[in-house]
Amino acid sequence: MKKSKAIVLVAAGLVAGLVLGSVSLAAAAPADYDPENPVVCAGLGLGRAVNGAGARLIDIVADLTGLSTDEIAAERAEGNSLADIAEANGVDSDEVVSEALDARKQLLDERVADGTLTQEQADLMLETMTERLGERIETDEVGPPSWAGQGRGGMRGGQGFGGQGACGGMYLPAQ
């Protein structure tokens, strides 16, 4: 009898803890919260769109140099940056960045046109992308950058920017 009473008390305590924890979390986040950065956690699926458009840096370097993405990935694994690879194959790294920005701007323009983003948000995202693409093409490090955040979902490993959780489409490819 004592054992069953103890089990009931423990179970009741666990349920009470879950309920109180849920209520306190809900109360901690005001319903009218509006982040200061309008781009934060937009969750626009832009990473998938970049992948689908063939607009990852590795795709653009492949298109401009005639190399396959596998060849480029192998060179990246040897410690070469995308800028090094492009320039060794007669392509200026600025051209790669320009092509990547054009593709991303087109995707952002589509989101503005369909009302998913404001022009202000798109401009802020493009500004950040411009900075980060310049950094990413020069780095010899592979994998997600330190600023990529968490929650990249299926885009782990540098497959795109943003999309899911990477705070507003700011994650750019390393490859």
N, C-alpha and C. Protein backbone atom coordinates (compact mmCIF):
# COMPACT_ATOMS: atom_id res chain seq x y z
N MET A 1 0.81 -1.19 0.00
CA MET A 1 0.00 0.00 0.00
C MET A 1 0.86 1.27 0.00
N LYS A 2 1.91 1.26 0.80
CA LYS A 2 2.78 2.42 0.87
C LYS A 2 3.48 2.67 -0.47
N LYS A 3 3.84 1.59 -1.16
CA LYS A 3 4.54 1.71 -2.44
C LYS A 3 3.63 2.36 -3.49
N SER A 4 2.38 1.96 -3.56
CA SER A 4 1.46 2.53 -4.54
C SER A 4 1.14 3.99 -4.22
N LYS A 5 1.08 4.32 -2.93
CA LYS A 5 0.85 5.71 -2.54
C LYS A 5 2.03 6.57 -2.94
N ALA A 6 3.24 6.05 -2.79
CA ALA A 6 4.45 6.79 -3.17
C ALA A 6 4.48 7.02 -4.68
N ILE A 7 4.08 6.02 -5.45
CA ILE A 7 4.05 6.15 -6.91
C ILE A 7 3.05 7.22 -7.33
N VAL A 8 1.89 7.24 -6.71
CA VAL A 8 0.87 8.23 -7.02
C VAL A 8 1.37 9.64 -6.68
N LEU A 9 2.02 9.79 -5.55
CA LEU A 9 2.55 11.10 -5.15
C LEU A 9 3.65 11.58 -6.11
N VAL A 10 4.53 10.69 -6.51
CA VAL A 10 5.60 11.05 -7.45
C VAL A 10 4.99 11.46 -8.79
N ALA A 11 4.03 10.68 -9.28
CA ALA A 11 3.37 10.99 -10.54
C ALA A 11 2.66 12.34 -10.47
N ALA A 12 1.97 12.59 -9.36
CA ALA A 12 1.27 13.87 -9.19
C ALA A 12 2.27 15.03 -9.16
N GLY A 13 3.39 14.81 -8.51
CA GLY A 13 4.43 15.85 -8.46
C GLY A 13 4.99 16.15 -9.84
N LEU A 14 5.22 15.12 -10.64
CA LEU A 14 5.73 15.31 -12.00
C LEU A 14 4.73 16.07 -12.87
N VAL A 15 3.47 15.70 -12.78
CA VAL A 15 2.43 16.39 -13.56
C VAL A 15 2.34 17.85 -13.13
N ALA A 16 2.36 18.10 -11.84
CA ALA A 16 2.29 19.48 -11.34
C ALA A 16 3.50 20.28 -11.84
N GLY A 17 4.68 19.67 -11.83
CA GLY A 17 5.87 20.35 -12.32
C GLY A 17 5.78 20.70 -13.79
N LEU A 18 5.28 19.78 -14.59
CA LEU A 18 5.11 20.04 -16.02
C LEU A 18 4.12 21.17 -16.28
N VAL A 19 2.99 21.13 -15.57
CA VAL A 19 1.97 22.15 -15.76
C VAL A 19 2.50 23.52 -15.35
N LEU A 20 3.11 23.60 -14.17
CA LEU A 20 3.63 24.89 -13.70
C LEU A 20 4.76 25.39 -14.60
N GLY A 21 5.61 24.49 -15.07
CA GLY A 21 6.69 24.88 -15.98
C GLY A 21 6.16 25.44 -17.28
N SER A 22 5.12 24.81 -17.82
CA SER A 22 4.53 25.28 -19.07
C SER A 22 3.88 26.64 -18.90
N VAL A 23 3.18 26.82 -17.80
CA VAL A 23 2.53 28.10 -17.54
C VAL A 23 3.56 29.21 -17.38
N SER A 24 4.65 28.93 -16.66
CA SER A 24 5.66 29.97 -16.46
C SER A 24 6.36 30.32 -17.75
N LEU A 25 6.59 29.37 -18.65
CA LEU A 25 7.20 29.67 -19.94
C LEU A 25 6.27 30.51 -20.80
N ALA A 26 5.01 30.18 -20.79
CA ALA A 26 4.04 30.95 -21.57
C ALA A 26 3.93 32.38 -21.06
N ALA A 27 4.00 32.55 -19.77
CA ALA A 27 3.90 33.89 -19.19
C ALA A 27 5.15 34.71 -19.44
N ALA A 28 6.29 34.05 -19.62
CA ALA A 28 7.56 34.76 -19.81
C ALA A 28 7.67 35.39 -21.19
N ALA A 29 6.94 34.92 -22.19
CA ALA A 29 7.03 35.45 -23.55
C ALA A 29 5.76 36.23 -23.86
N PRO A 30 5.85 37.56 -23.87
CA PRO A 30 4.66 38.36 -24.15
C PRO A 30 4.14 38.12 -25.56
N ALA A 31 2.84 38.15 -25.70
CA ALA A 31 2.20 37.87 -26.99
C ALA A 31 2.52 38.93 -28.03
N ASP A 32 2.81 40.15 -27.62
CA ASP A 32 3.07 41.22 -28.57
C ASP A 32 4.56 41.44 -28.81
N TYR A 33 5.39 40.44 -28.53
CA TYR A 33 6.83 40.57 -28.70
C TYR A 33 7.16 40.84 -30.16
N ASP A 34 7.94 41.88 -30.38
CA ASP A 34 8.39 42.24 -31.71
C ASP A 34 9.89 42.44 -31.63
N PRO A 35 10.69 41.54 -32.22
CA PRO A 35 12.14 41.66 -32.09
C PRO A 35 12.65 42.97 -32.69
N GLU A 36 13.74 43.48 -32.12
CA GLU A 36 14.33 44.71 -32.64
C GLU A 36 14.84 44.52 -34.06
N ASN A 37 15.42 43.35 -34.33
CA ASN A 37 15.91 43.04 -35.66
C ASN A 37 14.76 42.41 -36.43
N PRO A 38 14.23 43.06 -37.45
CA PRO A 38 13.07 42.53 -38.14
C PRO A 38 13.34 41.24 -38.90
N VAL A 39 14.60 40.87 -39.06
CA VAL A 39 14.94 39.68 -39.83
C VAL A 39 15.04 38.45 -38.94
N VAL A 40 15.25 38.65 -37.64
CA VAL A 40 15.49 37.53 -36.75
C VAL A 40 14.41 36.48 -36.87
N CYS A 41 14.84 35.28 -37.12
CA CYS A 41 13.98 34.09 -37.16
C CYS A 41 12.80 34.23 -38.10
N ALA A 42 13.04 34.77 -39.26
CA ALA A 42 11.98 34.91 -40.24
C ALA A 42 11.50 33.56 -40.76
N GLY A 43 12.38 32.54 -40.74
CA GLY A 43 11.98 31.19 -41.14
C GLY A 43 11.40 31.14 -42.55
N LEU A 44 12.11 31.67 -43.50
CA LEU A 44 11.56 31.83 -44.84
C LEU A 44 11.85 30.68 -45.79
N GLY A 45 12.60 29.71 -45.35
CA GLY A 45 12.96 28.61 -46.24
C GLY A 45 13.90 29.04 -47.34
N LEU A 46 14.66 30.10 -47.12
CA LEU A 46 15.55 30.60 -48.15
C LEU A 46 16.69 29.63 -48.43
N GLY A 47 17.11 28.88 -47.43
CA GLY A 47 18.18 27.91 -47.65
C GLY A 47 17.80 26.90 -48.70
N ARG A 48 16.61 26.39 -48.61
CA ARG A 48 16.12 25.44 -49.61
C ARG A 48 16.00 26.12 -50.97
N ALA A 49 15.57 27.36 -50.96
CA ALA A 49 15.43 28.10 -52.22
C ALA A 49 16.79 28.30 -52.88
N VAL A 50 17.80 28.62 -52.08
CA VAL A 50 19.16 28.80 -52.61
C VAL A 50 19.64 27.48 -53.20
N ASN A 51 19.43 26.40 -52.47
CA ASN A 51 19.82 25.08 -52.99
C ASN A 51 19.11 24.78 -54.30
N GLY A 52 17.81 24.99 -54.32
CA GLY A 52 17.01 24.69 -55.51
C GLY A 52 17.38 25.55 -56.70
N ALA A 53 17.86 26.75 -56.43
CA ALA A 53 18.24 27.67 -57.51
C ALA A 53 19.67 27.43 -57.97
N GLY A 54 20.39 26.49 -57.34
CA GLY A 54 21.78 26.26 -57.69
C GLY A 54 22.64 27.46 -57.34
N ALA A 55 22.31 28.13 -56.25
CA ALA A 55 22.96 29.39 -55.90
C ALA A 55 23.91 29.30 -54.71
N ARG A 56 24.24 28.05 -54.29
CA ARG A 56 25.27 27.94 -53.26
C ARG A 56 26.58 28.41 -53.86
N LEU A 57 27.50 28.85 -53.03
CA LEU A 57 28.80 29.28 -53.54
C LEU A 57 29.48 28.17 -54.34
N ILE A 58 29.41 26.95 -53.85
CA ILE A 58 30.04 25.84 -54.55
C ILE A 58 29.43 25.64 -55.93
N ASP A 59 28.11 25.84 -56.06
CA ASP A 59 27.44 25.72 -57.35
C ASP A 59 27.90 26.81 -58.31
N ILE A 60 28.03 28.01 -57.79
CA ILE A 60 28.42 29.14 -58.63
C ILE A 60 29.87 28.98 -59.09
N VAL A 61 30.76 28.57 -58.17
CA VAL A 61 32.15 28.33 -58.56
C VAL A 61 32.20 27.23 -59.63
N ALA A 62 31.40 26.19 -59.46
CA ALA A 62 31.37 25.10 -60.45
C ALA A 62 30.91 25.63 -61.81
N ASP A 63 29.85 26.42 -61.83
CA ASP A 63 29.34 26.96 -63.10
C ASP A 63 30.37 27.84 -63.79
N LEU A 64 31.05 28.68 -63.01
CA LEU A 64 31.98 29.63 -63.60
C LEU A 64 33.32 29.01 -64.00
N THR A 65 33.73 27.93 -63.33
CA THR A 65 35.04 27.33 -63.61
C THR A 65 34.95 26.09 -64.48
N GLY A 66 33.78 25.46 -64.53
CA GLY A 66 33.65 24.21 -65.27
C GLY A 66 34.02 22.99 -64.44
N LEU A 67 34.42 23.21 -63.19
CA LEU A 67 34.72 22.09 -62.29
C LEU A 67 33.42 21.50 -61.77
N SER A 68 33.47 20.26 -61.32
CA SER A 68 32.30 19.67 -60.69
C SER A 68 32.29 20.08 -59.21
N THR A 69 31.12 19.98 -58.59
CA THR A 69 31.05 20.31 -57.16
C THR A 69 31.87 19.30 -56.35
N ASP A 70 31.99 18.07 -56.82
CA ASP A 70 32.83 17.08 -56.13
C ASP A 70 34.30 17.48 -56.19
N GLU A 71 34.75 17.97 -57.34
CA GLU A 71 36.14 18.42 -57.46
C GLU A 71 36.40 19.61 -56.54
N ILE A 72 35.45 20.52 -56.48
CA ILE A 72 35.61 21.69 -55.62
C ILE A 72 35.61 21.26 -54.15
N ALA A 73 34.70 20.37 -53.78
CA ALA A 73 34.65 19.88 -52.40
C ALA A 73 35.97 19.21 -52.02
N ALA A 74 36.56 18.47 -52.95
CA ALA A 74 37.85 17.82 -52.67
C ALA A 74 38.94 18.86 -52.43
N GLU A 75 38.94 19.92 -53.23
CA GLU A 75 39.92 20.99 -53.03
C GLU A 75 39.69 21.72 -51.72
N ARG A 76 38.41 21.88 -51.37
CA ARG A 76 38.09 22.52 -50.08
C ARG A 76 38.62 21.67 -48.93
N ALA A 77 38.48 20.35 -49.06
CA ALA A 77 38.95 19.44 -48.02
C ALA A 77 40.48 19.49 -47.89
N GLU A 78 41.16 19.88 -48.95
CA GLU A 78 42.62 20.02 -48.93
C GLU A 78 43.05 21.36 -48.33
N GLY A 79 42.09 22.22 -48.01
CA GLY A 79 42.41 23.49 -47.36
C GLY A 79 42.36 24.71 -48.26
N ASN A 80 41.84 24.57 -49.46
CA ASN A 80 41.74 25.71 -50.37
C ASN A 80 40.42 26.44 -50.15
N SER A 81 40.47 27.75 -50.23
CA SER A 81 39.24 28.54 -50.14
C SER A 81 38.56 28.53 -51.51
N LEU A 82 37.31 28.91 -51.54
CA LEU A 82 36.61 29.01 -52.81
C LEU A 82 37.23 30.10 -53.69
N ALA A 83 37.73 31.15 -53.07
CA ALA A 83 38.41 32.21 -53.82
C ALA A 83 39.66 31.64 -54.49
N ASP A 84 40.43 30.84 -53.74
CA ASP A 84 41.63 30.22 -54.31
C ASP A 84 41.28 29.33 -55.49
N ILE A 85 40.24 28.53 -55.32
CA ILE A 85 39.83 27.59 -56.38
C ILE A 85 39.37 28.35 -57.61
N ALA A 86 38.54 29.37 -57.41
CA ALA A 86 38.04 30.16 -58.54
C ALA A 86 39.19 30.83 -59.27
N GLU A 87 40.05 31.49 -58.52
CA GLU A 87 41.14 32.23 -59.15
C GLU A 87 42.14 31.31 -59.84
N ALA A 88 42.37 30.11 -59.30
CA ALA A 88 43.27 29.14 -59.95
C ALA A 88 42.69 28.65 -61.28
N ASN A 89 41.38 28.86 -61.44
CA ASN A 89 40.71 28.44 -62.67
C ASN A 89 40.24 29.62 -63.51
N GLY A 90 40.88 30.77 -63.31
CA GLY A 90 40.64 31.94 -64.16
C GLY A 90 39.39 32.73 -63.86
N VAL A 91 38.83 32.58 -62.67
CA VAL A 91 37.61 33.31 -62.32
C VAL A 91 37.91 34.20 -61.11
N ASP A 92 37.57 35.47 -61.22
CA ASP A 92 37.77 36.40 -60.12
C ASP A 92 36.77 36.11 -59.00
N SER A 93 37.24 36.13 -57.77
CA SER A 93 36.35 35.82 -56.64
C SER A 93 35.23 36.84 -56.51
N ASP A 94 35.48 38.08 -56.93
CA ASP A 94 34.42 39.10 -56.89
C ASP A 94 33.26 38.72 -57.81
N GLU A 95 33.57 38.06 -58.92
CA GLU A 95 32.52 37.61 -59.84
C GLU A 95 31.66 36.53 -59.18
N VAL A 96 32.29 35.65 -58.41
CA VAL A 96 31.55 34.61 -57.70
C VAL A 96 30.60 35.24 -56.69
N VAL A 97 31.12 36.18 -55.91
CA VAL A 97 30.29 36.86 -54.91
C VAL A 97 29.15 37.62 -55.58
N SER A 98 29.44 38.28 -56.67
CA SER A 98 28.42 39.03 -57.40
C SER A 98 27.30 38.11 -57.89
N GLU A 99 27.66 36.97 -58.46
CA GLU A 99 26.66 36.00 -58.92
C GLU A 99 25.82 35.48 -57.75
N ALA A 100 26.48 35.19 -56.63
CA ALA A 100 25.76 34.68 -55.45
C ALA A 100 24.79 35.73 -54.92
N LEU A 101 25.23 36.97 -54.87
CA LEU A 101 24.36 38.05 -54.39
C LEU A 101 23.18 38.27 -55.34
N ASP A 102 23.44 38.20 -56.64
CA ASP A 102 22.34 38.36 -57.60
C ASP A 102 21.27 37.29 -57.40
N ALA A 103 21.71 36.06 -57.22
CA ALA A 103 20.75 34.96 -57.01
C ALA A 103 19.97 35.16 -55.72
N ARG A 104 20.64 35.55 -54.67
CA ARG A 104 19.98 35.76 -53.38
C ARG A 104 19.04 36.97 -53.42
N LYS A 105 19.47 38.01 -54.12
CA LYS A 105 18.61 39.20 -54.24
C LYS A 105 17.32 38.83 -54.98
N GLN A 106 17.43 38.02 -56.00
CA GLN A 106 16.23 37.59 -56.73
C GLN A 106 15.28 36.84 -55.79
N LEU A 107 15.82 35.95 -54.96
CA LEU A 107 14.98 35.21 -54.02
C LEU A 107 14.33 36.15 -53.00
N LEU A 108 15.10 37.13 -52.52
CA LEU A 108 14.53 38.10 -51.58
C LEU A 108 13.46 38.95 -52.24
N ASP A 109 13.71 39.36 -53.49
CA ASP A 109 12.71 40.16 -54.23
C ASP A 109 11.40 39.38 -54.38
N GLU A 110 11.50 38.08 -54.61
CA GLU A 110 10.29 37.25 -54.70
C GLU A 110 9.53 37.26 -53.38
N ARG A 111 10.27 37.21 -52.26
CA ARG A 111 9.63 37.21 -50.94
C ARG A 111 8.98 38.57 -50.66
N VAL A 112 9.60 39.64 -51.13
CA VAL A 112 9.00 40.98 -50.96
C VAL A 112 7.74 41.07 -51.80
N ALA A 113 7.81 40.59 -53.04
CA ALA A 113 6.66 40.66 -53.95
C ALA A 113 5.46 39.87 -53.43
N ASP A 114 5.73 38.73 -52.77
CA ASP A 114 4.60 37.94 -52.26
C ASP A 114 4.18 38.35 -50.85
N GLY A 115 4.83 39.37 -50.29
CA GLY A 115 4.43 39.90 -48.99
C GLY A 115 5.01 39.16 -47.80
N THR A 116 5.90 38.20 -48.04
CA THR A 116 6.51 37.45 -46.94
C THR A 116 7.52 38.30 -46.20
N LEU A 117 8.18 39.20 -46.90
CA LEU A 117 9.18 40.11 -46.32
C LEU A 117 8.84 41.54 -46.67
N THR A 118 9.25 42.46 -45.83
CA THR A 118 9.18 43.87 -46.21
C THR A 118 10.47 44.20 -46.95
N GLN A 119 10.47 45.29 -47.65
CA GLN A 119 11.68 45.72 -48.36
C GLN A 119 12.79 46.01 -47.35
N GLU A 120 12.42 46.57 -46.20
CA GLU A 120 13.42 46.85 -45.16
C GLU A 120 14.10 45.56 -44.68
N GLN A 121 13.32 44.52 -44.48
CA GLN A 121 13.88 43.24 -44.06
C GLN A 121 14.79 42.67 -45.14
N ALA A 122 14.34 42.72 -46.38
CA ALA A 122 15.14 42.20 -47.48
C ALA A 122 16.45 42.96 -47.61
N ASP A 123 16.40 44.27 -47.46
CA ASP A 123 17.61 45.09 -47.54
C ASP A 123 18.60 44.74 -46.43
N LEU A 124 18.08 44.54 -45.23
CA LEU A 124 18.93 44.17 -44.11
C LEU A 124 19.56 42.80 -44.34
N MET A 125 18.78 41.87 -44.84
CA MET A 125 19.30 40.53 -45.13
C MET A 125 20.37 40.59 -46.21
N LEU A 126 20.14 41.34 -47.26
CA LEU A 126 21.10 41.44 -48.34
C LEU A 126 22.40 42.10 -47.86
N GLU A 127 22.29 43.07 -46.99
CA GLU A 127 23.48 43.71 -46.43
C GLU A 127 24.32 42.70 -45.65
N THR A 128 23.67 41.90 -44.83
CA THR A 128 24.37 40.89 -44.06
C THR A 128 24.96 39.83 -44.99
N MET A 129 24.20 39.42 -45.98
CA MET A 129 24.69 38.43 -46.93
C MET A 129 25.94 38.93 -47.66
N THR A 130 25.94 40.20 -48.01
CA THR A 130 27.08 40.78 -48.71
C THR A 130 28.34 40.65 -47.87
N GLU A 131 28.24 40.99 -46.59
CA GLU A 131 29.39 40.87 -45.68
C GLU A 131 29.83 39.41 -45.56
N ARG A 132 28.88 38.55 -45.33
CA ARG A 132 29.22 37.16 -45.03
C ARG A 132 29.67 36.38 -46.26
N LEU A 133 29.14 36.66 -47.41
CA LEU A 133 29.63 35.99 -48.61
C LEU A 133 31.09 36.33 -48.86
N GLY A 134 31.43 37.60 -48.65
CA GLY A 134 32.82 38.01 -48.80
C GLY A 134 33.74 37.26 -47.85
N GLU A 135 33.26 37.04 -46.63
CA GLU A 135 34.05 36.28 -45.65
C GLU A 135 34.13 34.81 -46.03
N ARG A 136 32.99 34.24 -46.42
CA ARG A 136 32.92 32.79 -46.66
C ARG A 136 33.73 32.37 -47.89
N ILE A 137 33.81 33.21 -48.89
CA ILE A 137 34.55 32.81 -50.08
C ILE A 137 36.05 32.79 -49.81
N GLU A 138 36.50 33.59 -48.85
CA GLU A 138 37.93 33.68 -48.54
C GLU A 138 38.40 32.65 -47.52
N THR A 139 37.50 32.07 -46.76
CA THR A 139 37.91 31.16 -45.69
C THR A 139 38.29 29.79 -46.24
N ASP A 140 39.25 29.17 -45.55
CA ASP A 140 39.59 27.79 -45.91
C ASP A 140 38.93 26.81 -44.94
N GLU A 141 38.16 27.34 -44.01
CA GLU A 141 37.42 26.48 -43.07
C GLU A 141 36.18 25.93 -43.76
N VAL A 142 35.85 24.68 -43.45
CA VAL A 142 34.64 24.08 -43.99
C VAL A 142 33.63 23.89 -42.88
N GLY A 143 32.38 23.72 -43.25
CA GLY A 143 31.33 23.54 -42.26
C GLY A 143 30.68 24.85 -41.90
N PRO A 144 29.68 24.79 -41.04
CA PRO A 144 28.94 25.99 -40.66
C PRO A 144 29.84 26.98 -39.92
N PRO A 145 29.72 28.25 -40.22
CA PRO A 145 30.50 29.26 -39.50
C PRO A 145 29.96 29.45 -38.08
N SER A 146 30.76 30.08 -37.24
CA SER A 146 30.37 30.25 -35.84
C SER A 146 29.10 31.08 -35.69
N TRP A 147 28.82 31.97 -36.61
CA TRP A 147 27.65 32.85 -36.50
C TRP A 147 26.39 32.21 -37.05
N ALA A 148 26.46 30.96 -37.51
CA ALA A 148 25.31 30.34 -38.17
C ALA A 148 24.16 30.04 -37.22
N GLY A 149 24.44 29.96 -35.92
CA GLY A 149 23.36 29.70 -34.98
C GLY A 149 22.96 28.24 -34.97
N GLN A 150 21.85 27.97 -34.32
CA GLN A 150 21.35 26.61 -34.19
C GLN A 150 20.12 26.44 -35.06
N GLY A 151 19.66 25.21 -35.16
CA GLY A 151 18.38 24.96 -35.81
C GLY A 151 18.40 25.03 -37.31
N ARG A 152 19.51 24.61 -37.92
CA ARG A 152 19.58 24.64 -39.36
C ARG A 152 18.78 23.52 -40.00
N GLY A 153 18.20 22.68 -39.19
CA GLY A 153 17.35 21.61 -39.72
C GLY A 153 18.08 20.77 -40.73
N GLY A 154 17.47 20.52 -41.86
CA GLY A 154 18.05 19.68 -42.88
C GLY A 154 19.17 20.33 -43.65
N MET A 155 19.57 21.52 -43.28
CA MET A 155 20.56 22.24 -44.05
C MET A 155 21.93 22.18 -43.41
N ARG A 156 22.12 21.28 -42.50
CA ARG A 156 23.41 21.13 -41.83
C ARG A 156 24.50 20.91 -42.85
N GLY A 157 25.66 21.44 -42.58
CA GLY A 157 26.80 21.20 -43.45
C GLY A 157 26.94 22.21 -44.56
N GLY A 158 26.37 23.39 -44.38
CA GLY A 158 26.62 24.46 -45.33
C GLY A 158 25.80 24.36 -46.61
N GLN A 159 24.59 23.95 -46.52
CA GLN A 159 23.79 23.78 -47.72
C GLN A 159 23.07 25.05 -48.16
N GLY A 160 22.98 26.04 -47.33
CA GLY A 160 22.26 27.24 -47.74
C GLY A 160 22.35 28.29 -46.69
N PHE A 161 21.52 29.29 -46.79
CA PHE A 161 21.50 30.30 -45.74
C PHE A 161 20.11 30.34 -45.16
N GLY A 162 20.07 30.36 -43.86
CA GLY A 162 18.80 30.52 -43.17
C GLY A 162 17.88 29.37 -43.35
N GLY A 163 16.72 29.62 -43.79
CA GLY A 163 15.76 28.55 -43.98
C GLY A 163 15.06 28.23 -42.70
N GLN A 164 15.70 27.53 -41.82
CA GLN A 164 15.05 27.10 -40.61
C GLN A 164 15.88 27.47 -39.41
N GLY A 165 15.48 28.45 -38.72
CA GLY A 165 16.07 28.76 -37.44
C GLY A 165 17.37 29.51 -37.47
N ALA A 166 18.04 29.60 -38.58
CA ALA A 166 19.33 30.25 -38.59
C ALA A 166 19.13 31.76 -38.55
N CYS A 167 18.18 32.17 -37.83
CA CYS A 167 17.85 33.57 -37.58
C CYS A 167 17.77 34.42 -38.83
N GLY A 168 16.75 34.18 -39.58
CA GLY A 168 16.38 35.09 -40.64
C GLY A 168 17.14 34.96 -41.93
N GLY A 169 17.56 33.78 -42.26
CA GLY A 169 18.18 33.60 -43.56
C GLY A 169 19.55 34.20 -43.65
N MET A 170 20.32 34.09 -42.62
CA MET A 170 21.64 34.68 -42.64
C MET A 170 22.75 33.66 -42.81
N TYR A 171 22.45 32.40 -42.78
CA TYR A 171 23.48 31.38 -42.91
C TYR A 171 23.85 31.22 -44.37
N LEU A 172 25.12 31.34 -44.65
CA LEU A 172 25.59 31.21 -46.01
C LEU A 172 26.49 30.00 -46.15
N PRO A 173 26.57 29.43 -47.34
CA PRO A 173 27.32 28.20 -47.51
C PRO A 173 28.81 28.36 -47.36
N ALA A 174 29.44 27.31 -46.83
CA ALA A 174 30.89 27.27 -46.70
C ALA A 174 31.49 26.65 -47.94
N GLN A 175 30.71 25.90 -48.66
CA GLN A 175 31.27 25.13 -49.78
C GLN A 175 31.07 25.81 -51.10
